[in-house]
Amino acid sequence: MKKTTDLWFVSYLELNGVKITSYKLLKPGKLEFIFALTDEEWSKHRLGFNNSDIQKYKQKIEALKDLAY
């Protein structure tokens, strides 16, 4: 079982056909998502995410949000 709180990565996984096994509320506004993936599958998806357009959008949006602080 693999876990993440990264909504961008969760979106990437879902867009690539990976189903959320379960999730839990950590605190208001923050969820932890659990996936039934092996270490090898997780690494493959993480590498794909790191090289994806979604990752580029995430970095740009976070940079723009940083301007507000």
N, C-alpha and C. Protein backbone atom coordinates (compact mmCIF):
# COMPACT_ATOMS: atom_id res chain seq x y z
N MET A 1 0.84 -1.18 0.00
CA MET A 1 0.00 0.00 0.00
C MET A 1 0.89 1.25 0.00
N LYS A 2 0.54 2.18 -0.84
CA LYS A 2 1.28 3.44 -0.94
C LYS A 2 0.35 4.59 -0.59
N LYS A 3 0.92 5.61 0.05
CA LYS A 3 0.12 6.75 0.52
C LYS A 3 0.70 8.06 0.00
N THR A 4 -0.19 9.03 -0.23
CA THR A 4 0.25 10.37 -0.59
C THR A 4 -0.83 11.38 -0.20
N THR A 5 -0.39 12.60 0.03
CA THR A 5 -1.32 13.71 0.26
C THR A 5 -1.27 14.69 -0.91
N ASP A 6 -0.48 14.37 -1.93
CA ASP A 6 -0.29 15.25 -3.09
C ASP A 6 -1.47 15.11 -4.05
N LEU A 7 -2.37 16.09 -4.03
CA LEU A 7 -3.55 16.04 -4.88
C LEU A 7 -3.21 16.00 -6.36
N TRP A 8 -2.13 16.66 -6.75
CA TRP A 8 -1.71 16.66 -8.15
C TRP A 8 -1.32 15.24 -8.58
N PHE A 9 -0.58 14.55 -7.73
CA PHE A 9 -0.16 13.18 -8.03
C PHE A 9 -1.37 12.25 -8.04
N VAL A 10 -2.28 12.44 -7.12
CA VAL A 10 -3.51 11.64 -7.10
C VAL A 10 -4.28 11.83 -8.40
N SER A 11 -4.39 13.06 -8.85
CA SER A 11 -5.07 13.34 -10.13
C SER A 11 -4.36 12.63 -11.28
N TYR A 12 -3.05 12.70 -11.29
CA TYR A 12 -2.27 12.01 -12.33
C TYR A 12 -2.55 10.51 -12.30
N LEU A 13 -2.51 9.92 -11.11
CA LEU A 13 -2.77 8.49 -10.99
C LEU A 13 -4.15 8.12 -11.52
N GLU A 14 -5.15 8.90 -11.12
CA GLU A 14 -6.51 8.61 -11.57
C GLU A 14 -6.64 8.76 -13.09
N LEU A 15 -6.00 9.78 -13.65
CA LEU A 15 -6.03 9.97 -15.11
C LEU A 15 -5.35 8.82 -15.84
N ASN A 16 -4.48 8.10 -15.13
CA ASN A 16 -3.79 6.95 -15.71
C ASN A 16 -4.40 5.62 -15.27
N GLY A 17 -5.64 5.67 -14.81
CA GLY A 17 -6.39 4.45 -14.52
C GLY A 17 -6.15 3.80 -13.19
N VAL A 18 -5.42 4.47 -12.28
CA VAL A 18 -5.17 3.90 -10.95
C VAL A 18 -6.30 4.34 -10.02
N LYS A 19 -6.93 3.39 -9.39
CA LYS A 19 -8.04 3.68 -8.49
C LYS A 19 -7.55 3.92 -7.07
N ILE A 20 -8.20 4.85 -6.40
CA ILE A 20 -7.93 5.10 -4.98
C ILE A 20 -8.49 3.92 -4.20
N THR A 21 -7.65 3.30 -3.37
CA THR A 21 -8.11 2.19 -2.54
C THR A 21 -8.93 2.71 -1.37
N SER A 22 -8.42 3.74 -0.72
CA SER A 22 -9.14 4.39 0.38
C SER A 22 -8.49 5.74 0.63
N TYR A 23 -9.11 6.50 1.51
CA TYR A 23 -8.55 7.79 1.90
C TYR A 23 -8.99 8.09 3.31
N LYS A 24 -8.27 9.01 3.96
CA LYS A 24 -8.69 9.44 5.29
C LYS A 24 -8.42 10.92 5.44
N LEU A 25 -9.24 11.54 6.24
CA LEU A 25 -9.12 12.96 6.54
C LEU A 25 -8.07 13.12 7.63
N LEU A 26 -7.00 13.85 7.32
CA LEU A 26 -5.95 14.10 8.30
C LEU A 26 -6.29 15.31 9.16
N LYS A 27 -6.84 16.32 8.50
CA LYS A 27 -7.33 17.53 9.16
C LYS A 27 -8.19 18.25 8.13
N PRO A 28 -8.99 19.20 8.53
CA PRO A 28 -9.82 19.89 7.54
C PRO A 28 -8.97 20.42 6.37
N GLY A 29 -9.34 20.03 5.18
CA GLY A 29 -8.63 20.48 3.99
C GLY A 29 -7.45 19.62 3.58
N LYS A 30 -7.18 18.53 4.31
CA LYS A 30 -6.03 17.67 3.97
C LYS A 30 -6.42 16.20 4.06
N LEU A 31 -6.28 15.52 2.93
CA LEU A 31 -6.59 14.10 2.84
C LEU A 31 -5.33 13.30 2.56
N GLU A 32 -5.33 12.06 3.03
CA GLU A 32 -4.29 11.10 2.68
C GLU A 32 -4.95 10.02 1.83
N PHE A 33 -4.39 9.78 0.65
CA PHE A 33 -4.94 8.80 -0.28
C PHE A 33 -4.07 7.56 -0.25
N ILE A 34 -4.72 6.40 -0.31
CA ILE A 34 -4.03 5.12 -0.24
C ILE A 34 -4.30 4.34 -1.53
N PHE A 35 -3.23 3.80 -2.09
CA PHE A 35 -3.31 3.06 -3.34
C PHE A 35 -2.70 1.67 -3.16
N ALA A 36 -3.28 0.69 -3.82
CA ALA A 36 -2.77 -0.68 -3.79
C ALA A 36 -1.78 -0.85 -4.95
N LEU A 37 -0.59 -0.32 -4.76
CA LEU A 37 0.46 -0.40 -5.77
C LEU A 37 1.73 -0.99 -5.16
N THR A 38 2.49 -1.69 -5.99
CA THR A 38 3.79 -2.20 -5.55
C THR A 38 4.81 -1.05 -5.58
N ASP A 39 5.97 -1.29 -4.99
CA ASP A 39 7.04 -0.29 -5.05
C ASP A 39 7.41 0.02 -6.49
N GLU A 40 7.47 -1.01 -7.32
CA GLU A 40 7.83 -0.83 -8.73
C GLU A 40 6.78 0.01 -9.47
N GLU A 41 5.51 -0.30 -9.25
CA GLU A 41 4.43 0.48 -9.89
C GLU A 41 4.45 1.92 -9.42
N TRP A 42 4.63 2.11 -8.12
CA TRP A 42 4.67 3.45 -7.54
C TRP A 42 5.80 4.28 -8.15
N SER A 43 6.97 3.67 -8.24
CA SER A 43 8.13 4.36 -8.82
C SER A 43 7.89 4.71 -10.28
N LYS A 44 7.29 3.78 -11.02
CA LYS A 44 6.99 4.02 -12.44
C LYS A 44 6.04 5.21 -12.59
N HIS A 45 5.00 5.25 -11.78
CA HIS A 45 4.03 6.35 -11.85
C HIS A 45 4.65 7.66 -11.36
N ARG A 46 5.47 7.61 -10.34
CA ARG A 46 6.12 8.81 -9.83
C ARG A 46 7.03 9.41 -10.90
N LEU A 47 7.78 8.57 -11.59
CA LEU A 47 8.65 9.03 -12.66
C LEU A 47 7.82 9.64 -13.80
N GLY A 48 6.72 8.97 -14.15
CA GLY A 48 5.84 9.50 -15.18
C GLY A 48 5.26 10.85 -14.79
N PHE A 49 4.86 10.97 -13.53
CA PHE A 49 4.32 12.23 -13.02
C PHE A 49 5.37 13.34 -13.07
N ASN A 50 6.59 13.02 -12.64
CA ASN A 50 7.66 14.02 -12.61
C ASN A 50 8.00 14.54 -14.00
N ASN A 51 7.72 13.75 -15.03
CA ASN A 51 8.01 14.15 -16.41
C ASN A 51 6.75 14.62 -17.15
N SER A 52 5.65 14.78 -16.45
CA SER A 52 4.37 15.10 -17.09
C SER A 52 4.09 16.60 -17.11
N ASP A 53 3.13 16.97 -17.96
CA ASP A 53 2.66 18.36 -17.99
C ASP A 53 1.98 18.74 -16.69
N ILE A 54 1.34 17.77 -16.04
CA ILE A 54 0.66 18.07 -14.77
C ILE A 54 1.68 18.60 -13.75
N GLN A 55 2.85 18.00 -13.69
CA GLN A 55 3.89 18.45 -12.77
C GLN A 55 4.32 19.87 -13.11
N LYS A 56 4.40 20.18 -14.40
CA LYS A 56 4.77 21.53 -14.81
C LYS A 56 3.72 22.55 -14.37
N TYR A 57 2.44 22.20 -14.51
CA TYR A 57 1.37 23.08 -14.05
C TYR A 57 1.44 23.27 -12.54
N LYS A 58 1.68 22.17 -11.82
CA LYS A 58 1.78 22.25 -10.36
C LYS A 58 2.88 23.22 -9.95
N GLN A 59 4.06 23.09 -10.56
CA GLN A 59 5.17 23.96 -10.20
C GLN A 59 4.85 25.42 -10.50
N LYS A 60 4.22 25.68 -11.64
CA LYS A 60 3.89 27.05 -12.03
C LYS A 60 2.86 27.66 -11.08
N ILE A 61 1.82 26.89 -10.77
CA ILE A 61 0.78 27.39 -9.86
C ILE A 61 1.35 27.65 -8.48
N GLU A 62 2.21 26.76 -7.99
CA GLU A 62 2.82 26.97 -6.68
C GLU A 62 3.72 28.20 -6.68
N ALA A 63 4.41 28.44 -7.76
CA ALA A 63 5.25 29.65 -7.86
C ALA A 63 4.39 30.90 -7.85
N LEU A 64 3.28 30.85 -8.56
CA LEU A 64 2.37 32.01 -8.59
C LEU A 64 1.74 32.24 -7.21
N LYS A 65 1.39 31.16 -6.52
CA LYS A 65 0.82 31.29 -5.18
C LYS A 65 1.83 31.89 -4.21
N ASP A 66 3.12 31.54 -4.40
CA ASP A 66 4.17 32.09 -3.53
C ASP A 66 4.27 33.60 -3.64
N LEU A 67 3.88 34.14 -4.78
CA LEU A 67 3.90 35.60 -4.94
C LEU A 67 2.93 36.29 -3.98
N ALA A 68 1.91 35.56 -3.55
CA ALA A 68 0.90 36.13 -2.66
C ALA A 68 1.37 36.18 -1.20
N TYR A 69 2.47 35.51 -0.89
CA TYR A 69 2.93 35.46 0.50
C TYR A 69 4.18 36.23 0.72
